[in-house]
């Protein structure tokens, strides 16, 4: 009897704790504000249970709106796919495509502990640190992990570089088009003098979904996206 009890406990902790509450599909529409115009992003995350594993796929499509669309008519398409474990998301493939340009691609080989990055005709393969994520999967990773406390450290790739990112963690109340939302805010710590910036607000009472992201790119362009609509579906 005692053995059976510990066998049950072992099974309980090896099975995803989110299994009974996991969405099958999440759609988020974002309003985007930049220093030269506005736009919109639609992101869709689909989750499937296949055999013993959960698989995910995230697709993100960004496009300019209004007058800005005349300046920037091309769409930006981002994609991430992989598995879901108790430690969070484990991507196996991610890419970013801007207009008609060749996409930047990241391929994760977890068995060989290597990651291959392809960008602008150049390809490199390097060591794959444990827990590495792409930028898109990082935003959704905390749906499936414990709520971060004070500091988050993760290797994150933008499909052509890999860097260790450190985020400080705070709690904030955020005003959004969806109303007031209690959030966990992750602010990336940058080197002195760096123009780069990234801060992500995760909805504390709604699956830790990313409801606002502010980024300053290497070229100094500031981009803010804030959720204007969220739709979550569950399979019976």
C-alpha atoms as a PDB file:
ATOM      1  CA  UNK A   1       0.000   0.000   0.000  1.00  0.00           C
ATOM      2  CA  UNK A   2       2.815   2.380   0.908  1.00  0.00           C
ATOM      3  CA  UNK A   3       4.556   1.655  -2.400  1.00  0.00           C
ATOM      4  CA  UNK A   4       1.307   2.317  -4.291  1.00  0.00           C
ATOM      5  CA  UNK A   5       0.936   5.671  -2.493  1.00  0.00           C
ATOM      6  CA  UNK A   6       4.413   6.865  -3.466  1.00  0.00           C
ATOM      7  CA  UNK A   7       3.882   5.559  -6.997  1.00  0.00           C
ATOM      8  CA  UNK A   8       0.745   7.717  -7.215  1.00  0.00           C
ATOM      9  CA  UNK A   9       2.598  10.775  -5.862  1.00  0.00           C
ATOM     10  CA  UNK A  10       5.391  10.231  -8.388  1.00  0.00           C
ATOM     11  CA  UNK A  11       2.860  10.024 -11.233  1.00  0.00           C
ATOM     12  CA  UNK A  12       1.064  13.122  -9.972  1.00  0.00           C
ATOM     13  CA  UNK A  13       4.188  15.263 -10.028  1.00  0.00           C
ATOM     14  CA  UNK A  14       5.366  13.931 -13.388  1.00  0.00           C
ATOM     15  CA  UNK A  15       2.072  14.799 -15.089  1.00  0.00           C
ATOM     16  CA  UNK A  16       1.537  18.423 -16.172  1.00  0.00           C
ATOM     17  CA  UNK A  17      -0.237  20.290 -13.371  1.00  0.00           C
ATOM     18  CA  UNK A  18      -1.993  22.406 -15.979  1.00  0.00           C
ATOM     19  CA  UNK A  19      -3.558  19.417 -17.771  1.00  0.00           C
ATOM     20  CA  UNK A  20      -7.133  20.120 -16.653  1.00  0.00           C
ATOM     21  CA  UNK A  21      -6.940  23.870 -17.276  1.00  0.00           C
ATOM     22  CA  UNK A  22      -4.850  24.121 -20.414  1.00  0.00           C
ATOM     23  CA  UNK A  23      -6.387  26.123 -23.288  1.00  0.00           C
ATOM     24  CA  UNK A  24      -6.477  24.585 -26.759  1.00  0.00           C
ATOM     25  CA  UNK A  25      -6.302  27.943 -28.570  1.00  0.00           C
ATOM     26  CA  UNK A  26      -5.457  31.512 -27.574  1.00  0.00           C
ATOM     27  CA  UNK A  27      -5.953  34.525 -29.834  1.00  0.00           C
ATOM     28  CA  UNK A  28      -4.585  37.935 -28.867  1.00  0.00           C
ATOM     29  CA  UNK A  29      -4.983  41.123 -30.886  1.00  0.00           C
ATOM     30  CA  UNK A  30      -2.544  43.923 -30.109  1.00  0.00           C
ATOM     31  CA  UNK A  31      -2.608  47.601 -30.948  1.00  0.00           C
ATOM     32  CA  UNK A  32       0.911  48.677 -31.906  1.00  0.00           C
ATOM     33  CA  UNK A  33       2.405  52.144 -31.460  1.00  0.00           C
ATOM     34  CA  UNK A  34       5.808  53.152 -32.853  1.00  0.00           C
ATOM     35  CA  UNK A  35       7.626  56.459 -33.179  1.00  0.00           C
ATOM     36  CA  UNK A  36       6.691  56.641 -36.894  1.00  0.00           C
ATOM     37  CA  UNK A  37       3.222  55.103 -37.027  1.00  0.00           C
ATOM     38  CA  UNK A  38       0.749  52.523 -35.749  1.00  0.00           C
ATOM     39  CA  UNK A  39      -0.076  48.940 -36.555  1.00  0.00           C
ATOM     40  CA  UNK A  40      -1.699  45.736 -35.376  1.00  0.00           C
ATOM     41  CA  UNK A  41      -0.564  42.271 -34.426  1.00  0.00           C
ATOM     42  CA  UNK A  42      -2.556  39.071 -34.251  1.00  0.00           C
ATOM     43  CA  UNK A  43      -1.041  36.190 -32.316  1.00  0.00           C
ATOM     44  CA  UNK A  44      -2.487  32.690 -32.162  1.00  0.00           C
ATOM     45  CA  UNK A  45      -1.213  29.940 -29.877  1.00  0.00           C
ATOM     46  CA  UNK A  46      -2.515  26.424 -30.485  1.00  0.00           C
ATOM     47  CA  UNK A  47      -1.920  23.559 -28.065  1.00  0.00           C
ATOM     48  CA  UNK A  48      -2.369  19.882 -28.929  1.00  0.00           C
ATOM     49  CA  UNK A  49      -2.085  16.764 -26.787  1.00  0.00           C
ATOM     50  CA  UNK A  50      -0.274  14.110 -28.814  1.00  0.00           C
ATOM     51  CA  UNK A  51       0.506  10.823 -27.105  1.00  0.00           C
ATOM     52  CA  UNK A  52       2.357  11.592 -23.868  1.00  0.00           C
ATOM     53  CA  UNK A  53       3.201  15.174 -24.765  1.00  0.00           C
ATOM     54  CA  UNK A  54       1.670  18.565 -25.291  1.00  0.00           C
ATOM     55  CA  UNK A  55       2.800  20.412 -28.397  1.00  0.00           C
ATOM     56  CA  UNK A  56       2.429  24.116 -29.078  1.00  0.00           C
ATOM     57  CA  UNK A  57       2.602  26.405 -32.101  1.00  0.00           C
ATOM     58  CA  UNK A  58       2.555  30.208 -31.943  1.00  0.00           C
ATOM     59  CA  UNK A  59       2.010  32.377 -35.005  1.00  0.00           C
ATOM     60  CA  UNK A  60       2.347  36.154 -34.940  1.00  0.00           C
ATOM     61  CA  UNK A  61       1.507  38.467 -37.853  1.00  0.00           C
ATOM     62  CA  UNK A  62       2.264  42.199 -37.619  1.00  0.00           C
ATOM     63  CA  UNK A  63       1.308  44.848 -40.140  1.00  0.00           C
ATOM     64  CA  UNK A  64       1.161  48.626 -40.301  1.00  0.00           C
ATOM     65  CA  UNK A  65      -2.151  50.462 -40.421  1.00  0.00           C
ATOM     66  CA  UNK A  66      -3.289  53.852 -41.737  1.00  0.00           C
ATOM     67  CA  UNK A  67      -0.710  56.137 -43.355  1.00  0.00           C
ATOM     68  CA  UNK A  68       2.120  54.078 -41.830  1.00  0.00           C
ATOM     69  CA  UNK A  69       1.092  51.204 -44.148  1.00  0.00           C
ATOM     70  CA  UNK A  70       2.253  53.308 -47.114  1.00  0.00           C
ATOM     71  CA  UNK A  71       5.703  53.570 -45.541  1.00  0.00           C
ATOM     72  CA  UNK A  72       5.886  49.967 -44.326  1.00  0.00           C
ATOM     73  CA  UNK A  73       3.587  47.735 -46.427  1.00  0.00           C
ATOM     74  CA  UNK A  74       5.337  44.468 -45.561  1.00  0.00           C
ATOM     75  CA  UNK A  75       4.104  42.128 -42.879  1.00  0.00           C
ATOM     76  CA  UNK A  76       6.337  40.649 -40.171  1.00  0.00           C
ATOM     77  CA  UNK A  77       5.584  36.985 -39.534  1.00  0.00           C
ATOM     78  CA  UNK A  78       6.986  35.174 -36.506  1.00  0.00           C
ATOM     79  CA  UNK A  79       6.560  31.512 -35.623  1.00  0.00           C
ATOM     80  CA  UNK A  80       7.585  29.207 -32.786  1.00  0.00           C
ATOM     81  CA  UNK A  81       6.768  25.532 -32.259  1.00  0.00           C
ATOM     82  CA  UNK A  82       7.787  22.813 -29.855  1.00  0.00           C
ATOM     83  CA  UNK A  83       6.779  20.944 -26.713  1.00  0.00           C
ATOM     84  CA  UNK A  84       5.361  21.859 -23.315  1.00  0.00           C
ATOM     85  CA  UNK A  85       6.893  20.419 -20.152  1.00  0.00           C
ATOM     86  CA  UNK A  86       6.672  21.210 -16.440  1.00  0.00           C
ATOM     87  CA  UNK A  87       9.709  23.481 -16.873  1.00  0.00           C
ATOM     88  CA  UNK A  88       7.873  25.491 -19.547  1.00  0.00           C
ATOM     89  CA  UNK A  89       8.086  25.648 -23.320  1.00  0.00           C
ATOM     90  CA  UNK A  90      10.809  23.821 -25.240  1.00  0.00           C
ATOM     91  CA  UNK A  91      10.985  25.177 -28.805  1.00  0.00           C
ATOM     92  CA  UNK A  92      12.264  23.034 -31.647  1.00  0.00           C
ATOM     93  CA  UNK A  93      11.922  25.591 -34.452  1.00  0.00           C
ATOM     94  CA  UNK A  94      11.394  29.344 -34.678  1.00  0.00           C
ATOM     95  CA  UNK A  95      11.595  31.882 -37.471  1.00  0.00           C
ATOM     96  CA  UNK A  96      10.976  35.495 -38.385  1.00  0.00           C
ATOM     97  CA  UNK A  97      10.131  36.683 -41.904  1.00  0.00           C
ATOM     98  CA  UNK A  98       9.947  40.355 -42.925  1.00  0.00           C
ATOM     99  CA  UNK A  99       8.184  40.926 -46.239  1.00  0.00           C
ATOM    100  CA  UNK A 100       9.842  38.998 -49.072  1.00  0.00           C
ATOM    101  CA  UNK A 101      13.187  38.673 -47.323  1.00  0.00           C
ATOM    102  CA  UNK A 102      14.594  35.235 -46.518  1.00  0.00           C
ATOM    103  CA  UNK A 103      13.433  34.311 -43.002  1.00  0.00           C
ATOM    104  CA  UNK A 104      15.794  34.134 -40.036  1.00  0.00           C
ATOM    105  CA  UNK A 105      15.594  30.609 -38.622  1.00  0.00           C
ATOM    106  CA  UNK A 106      16.501  28.908 -35.342  1.00  0.00           C
ATOM    107  CA  UNK A 107      16.542  25.097 -35.110  1.00  0.00           C
ATOM    108  CA  UNK A 108      16.873  23.603 -31.617  1.00  0.00           C
ATOM    109  CA  UNK A 109      18.487  20.143 -31.349  1.00  0.00           C
ATOM    110  CA  UNK A 110      17.930  19.204 -27.718  1.00  0.00           C
ATOM    111  CA  UNK A 111      19.329  15.674 -28.161  1.00  0.00           C
ATOM    112  CA  UNK A 112      22.621  17.063 -29.489  1.00  0.00           C
ATOM    113  CA  UNK A 113      22.523  20.186 -27.228  1.00  0.00           C
ATOM    114  CA  UNK A 114      23.044  22.445 -30.246  1.00  0.00           C
ATOM    115  CA  UNK A 115      21.203  25.326 -31.911  1.00  0.00           C
ATOM    116  CA  UNK A 116      21.574  26.306 -35.560  1.00  0.00           C
ATOM    117  CA  UNK A 117      20.881  29.952 -36.469  1.00  0.00           C
ATOM    118  CA  UNK A 118      20.393  31.056 -40.083  1.00  0.00           C
ATOM    119  CA  UNK A 119      20.319  34.772 -40.938  1.00  0.00           C
ATOM    120  CA  UNK A 120      20.928  36.656 -44.208  1.00  0.00           C
ATOM    121  CA  UNK A 121      22.601  33.662 -45.843  1.00  0.00           C
ATOM    122  CA  UNK A 122      24.874  32.912 -42.891  1.00  0.00           C
ATOM    123  CA  UNK A 123      24.486  29.830 -40.716  1.00  0.00           C
ATOM    124  CA  UNK A 124      26.138  29.043 -37.393  1.00  0.00           C
ATOM    125  CA  UNK A 125      25.755  26.142 -34.962  1.00  0.00           C
ATOM    126  CA  UNK A 126      26.577  26.587 -31.308  1.00  0.00           C
ATOM    127  CA  UNK A 127      25.971  25.055 -27.901  1.00  0.00           C
ATOM    128  CA  UNK A 128      22.333  25.067 -26.788  1.00  0.00           C
ATOM    129  CA  UNK A 129      22.050  26.095 -23.115  1.00  0.00           C
ATOM    130  CA  UNK A 130      19.362  24.439 -21.010  1.00  0.00           C
ATOM    131  CA  UNK A 131      16.039  26.303 -21.062  1.00  0.00           C
ATOM    132  CA  UNK A 132      16.808  28.420 -24.148  1.00  0.00           C
ATOM    133  CA  UNK A 133      13.758  30.105 -25.708  1.00  0.00           C
ATOM    134  CA  UNK A 134      13.070  32.252 -28.742  1.00  0.00           C
ATOM    135  CA  UNK A 135      11.516  35.696 -28.219  1.00  0.00           C
ATOM    136  CA  UNK A 136       8.008  34.548 -29.085  1.00  0.00           C
ATOM    137  CA  UNK A 137       7.997  31.484 -26.834  1.00  0.00           C
ATOM    138  CA  UNK A 138       9.539  33.503 -23.983  1.00  0.00           C
ATOM    139  CA  UNK A 139       6.420  35.703 -23.910  1.00  0.00           C
ATOM    140  CA  UNK A 140       4.170  32.662 -23.367  1.00  0.00           C
ATOM    141  CA  UNK A 141       6.509  30.483 -21.321  1.00  0.00           C
ATOM    142  CA  UNK A 142       5.202  31.596 -17.919  1.00  0.00           C
ATOM    143  CA  UNK A 143       1.778  30.111 -18.634  1.00  0.00           C
ATOM    144  CA  UNK A 144       3.348  26.787 -17.683  1.00  0.00           C
ATOM    145  CA  UNK A 145       5.888  27.585 -14.962  1.00  0.00           C
ATOM    146  CA  UNK A 146       5.851  28.908 -11.431  1.00  0.00           C
ATOM    147  CA  UNK A 147       5.301  32.646 -11.093  1.00  0.00           C
ATOM    148  CA  UNK A 148       8.726  34.332 -11.146  1.00  0.00           C
ATOM    149  CA  UNK A 149       9.834  35.984  -7.900  1.00  0.00           C
ATOM    150  CA  UNK A 150      12.630  38.557  -8.167  1.00  0.00           C
ATOM    151  CA  UNK A 151      14.873  37.638 -11.100  1.00  0.00           C
ATOM    152  CA  UNK A 152      14.529  35.608 -14.289  1.00  0.00           C
ATOM    153  CA  UNK A 153      17.598  34.445 -16.236  1.00  0.00           C
ATOM    154  CA  UNK A 154      17.120  32.781 -19.608  1.00  0.00           C
ATOM    155  CA  UNK A 155      19.033  32.364 -22.835  1.00  0.00           C
ATOM    156  CA  UNK A 156      16.860  33.879 -25.573  1.00  0.00           C
ATOM    157  CA  UNK A 157      17.421  33.892 -29.341  1.00  0.00           C
ATOM    158  CA  UNK A 158      16.029  36.347 -31.879  1.00  0.00           C
ATOM    159  CA  UNK A 159      16.807  33.720 -34.572  1.00  0.00           C
ATOM    160  CA  UNK A 160      20.209  35.186 -35.444  1.00  0.00           C
ATOM    161  CA  UNK A 161      21.809  35.809 -32.027  1.00  0.00           C
ATOM    162  CA  UNK A 162      21.776  34.007 -28.690  1.00  0.00           C
ATOM    163  CA  UNK A 163      22.198  35.912 -25.449  1.00  0.00           C
ATOM    164  CA  UNK A 164      21.681  35.455 -21.726  1.00  0.00           C
ATOM    165  CA  UNK A 165      18.860  37.791 -20.712  1.00  0.00           C
ATOM    166  CA  UNK A 166      18.240  38.870 -17.138  1.00  0.00           C
ATOM    167  CA  UNK A 167      14.860  40.266 -16.134  1.00  0.00           C
ATOM    168  CA  UNK A 168      13.875  41.881 -12.857  1.00  0.00           C
ATOM    169  CA  UNK A 169      10.372  41.059 -11.637  1.00  0.00           C
ATOM    170  CA  UNK A 170       7.792  43.478 -10.212  1.00  0.00           C
ATOM    171  CA  UNK A 171       4.023  43.541  -9.738  1.00  0.00           C
ATOM    172  CA  UNK A 172       2.104  46.328 -11.478  1.00  0.00           C
ATOM    173  CA  UNK A 173      -1.482  47.340 -12.166  1.00  0.00           C
ATOM    174  CA  UNK A 174      -1.847  48.003 -15.887  1.00  0.00           C
ATOM    175  CA  UNK A 175      -4.520  50.074 -17.625  1.00  0.00           C
ATOM    176  CA  UNK A 176      -5.431  48.467 -20.953  1.00  0.00           C
ATOM    177  CA  UNK A 177      -8.271  48.589 -23.512  1.00  0.00           C
ATOM    178  CA  UNK A 178      -9.488  45.446 -21.717  1.00  0.00           C
ATOM    179  CA  UNK A 179      -9.639  47.258 -18.369  1.00  0.00           C
ATOM    180  CA  UNK A 180      -7.374  47.248 -15.327  1.00  0.00           C
ATOM    181  CA  UNK A 181      -5.157  44.151 -15.189  1.00  0.00           C
ATOM    182  CA  UNK A 182      -2.966  42.881 -12.356  1.00  0.00           C
ATOM    183  CA  UNK A 183       0.370  41.957 -13.903  1.00  0.00           C
ATOM    184  CA  UNK A 184       3.830  40.569 -13.314  1.00  0.00           C
ATOM    185  CA  UNK A 185       6.275  42.846 -15.177  1.00  0.00           C
ATOM    186  CA  UNK A 186       9.610  41.531 -16.476  1.00  0.00           C
ATOM    187  CA  UNK A 187      12.158  44.246 -17.315  1.00  0.00           C
ATOM    188  CA  UNK A 188      15.329  43.156 -19.107  1.00  0.00           C
ATOM    189  CA  UNK A 189      18.550  44.468 -17.625  1.00  0.00           C
ATOM    190  CA  UNK A 190      20.812  45.984 -20.269  1.00  0.00           C
ATOM    191  CA  UNK A 191      24.490  46.916 -20.278  1.00  0.00           C
ATOM    192  CA  UNK A 192      25.356  50.539 -19.524  1.00  0.00           C
ATOM    193  CA  UNK A 193      24.991  52.696 -22.605  1.00  0.00           C
ATOM    194  CA  UNK A 194      22.885  50.161 -24.500  1.00  0.00           C
ATOM    195  CA  UNK A 195      19.884  51.478 -26.444  1.00  0.00           C
ATOM    196  CA  UNK A 196      18.147  48.129 -26.207  1.00  0.00           C
ATOM    197  CA  UNK A 197      15.130  47.757 -23.951  1.00  0.00           C
ATOM    198  CA  UNK A 198      12.444  45.150 -23.398  1.00  0.00           C
ATOM    199  CA  UNK A 199       9.699  44.956 -20.803  1.00  0.00           C
ATOM    200  CA  UNK A 200       6.852  42.439 -20.731  1.00  0.00           C
ATOM    201  CA  UNK A 201       3.671  42.595 -18.650  1.00  0.00           C
ATOM    202  CA  UNK A 202       1.998  39.222 -17.916  1.00  0.00           C
ATOM    203  CA  UNK A 203      -1.656  38.988 -16.810  1.00  0.00           C
ATOM    204  CA  UNK A 204      -1.530  37.529 -13.311  1.00  0.00           C
ATOM    205  CA  UNK A 205      -5.143  36.281 -13.328  1.00  0.00           C
ATOM    206  CA  UNK A 206      -5.352  35.230 -16.967  1.00  0.00           C
ATOM    207  CA  UNK A 207      -2.866  32.428 -17.696  1.00  0.00           C
ATOM    208  CA  UNK A 208       0.109  34.850 -17.426  1.00  0.00           C
ATOM    209  CA  UNK A 209      -0.585  35.971 -20.982  1.00  0.00           C
ATOM    210  CA  UNK A 210       1.532  38.835 -22.387  1.00  0.00           C
ATOM    211  CA  UNK A 211      -0.779  41.876 -22.385  1.00  0.00           C
ATOM    212  CA  UNK A 212       1.810  44.583 -23.037  1.00  0.00           C
ATOM    213  CA  UNK A 213       5.341  44.589 -24.454  1.00  0.00           C
ATOM    214  CA  UNK A 214       7.601  47.626 -24.889  1.00  0.00           C
ATOM    215  CA  UNK A 215      10.773  47.222 -26.942  1.00  0.00           C
ATOM    216  CA  UNK A 216      13.522  49.567 -28.092  1.00  0.00           C
ATOM    217  CA  UNK A 217      15.476  48.017 -30.968  1.00  0.00           C
ATOM    218  CA  UNK A 218      19.159  48.470 -31.854  1.00  0.00           C
ATOM    219  CA  UNK A 219      18.239  51.219 -34.333  1.00  0.00           C
ATOM    220  CA  UNK A 220      16.581  53.173 -31.497  1.00  0.00           C
ATOM    221  CA  UNK A 221      13.025  52.538 -32.686  1.00  0.00           C
ATOM    222  CA  UNK A 222      10.533  52.143 -29.837  1.00  0.00           C
ATOM    223  CA  UNK A 223       7.659  49.714 -30.289  1.00  0.00           C
ATOM    224  CA  UNK A 224       4.780  49.270 -27.870  1.00  0.00           C
ATOM    225  CA  UNK A 225       2.113  46.621 -28.255  1.00  0.00           C
ATOM    226  CA  UNK A 226      -0.853  46.357 -25.923  1.00  0.00           C
ATOM    227  CA  UNK A 227      -3.625  43.767 -25.958  1.00  0.00           C
ATOM    228  CA  UNK A 228      -6.967  44.990 -27.292  1.00  0.00           C
ATOM    229  CA  UNK A 229      -8.724  41.609 -27.468  1.00  0.00           C
ATOM    230  CA  UNK A 230      -8.143  38.159 -25.974  1.00  0.00           C
ATOM    231  CA  UNK A 231     -10.076  35.013 -26.882  1.00  0.00           C
ATOM    232  CA  UNK A 232      -9.362  31.695 -25.132  1.00  0.00           C
ATOM    233  CA  UNK A 233     -10.825  28.324 -26.175  1.00  0.00           C
ATOM    234  CA  UNK A 234     -10.838  25.069 -24.222  1.00  0.00           C
ATOM    235  CA  UNK A 235     -11.513  21.591 -25.540  1.00  0.00           C
ATOM    236  CA  UNK A 236     -14.188  19.723 -23.527  1.00  0.00           C
END
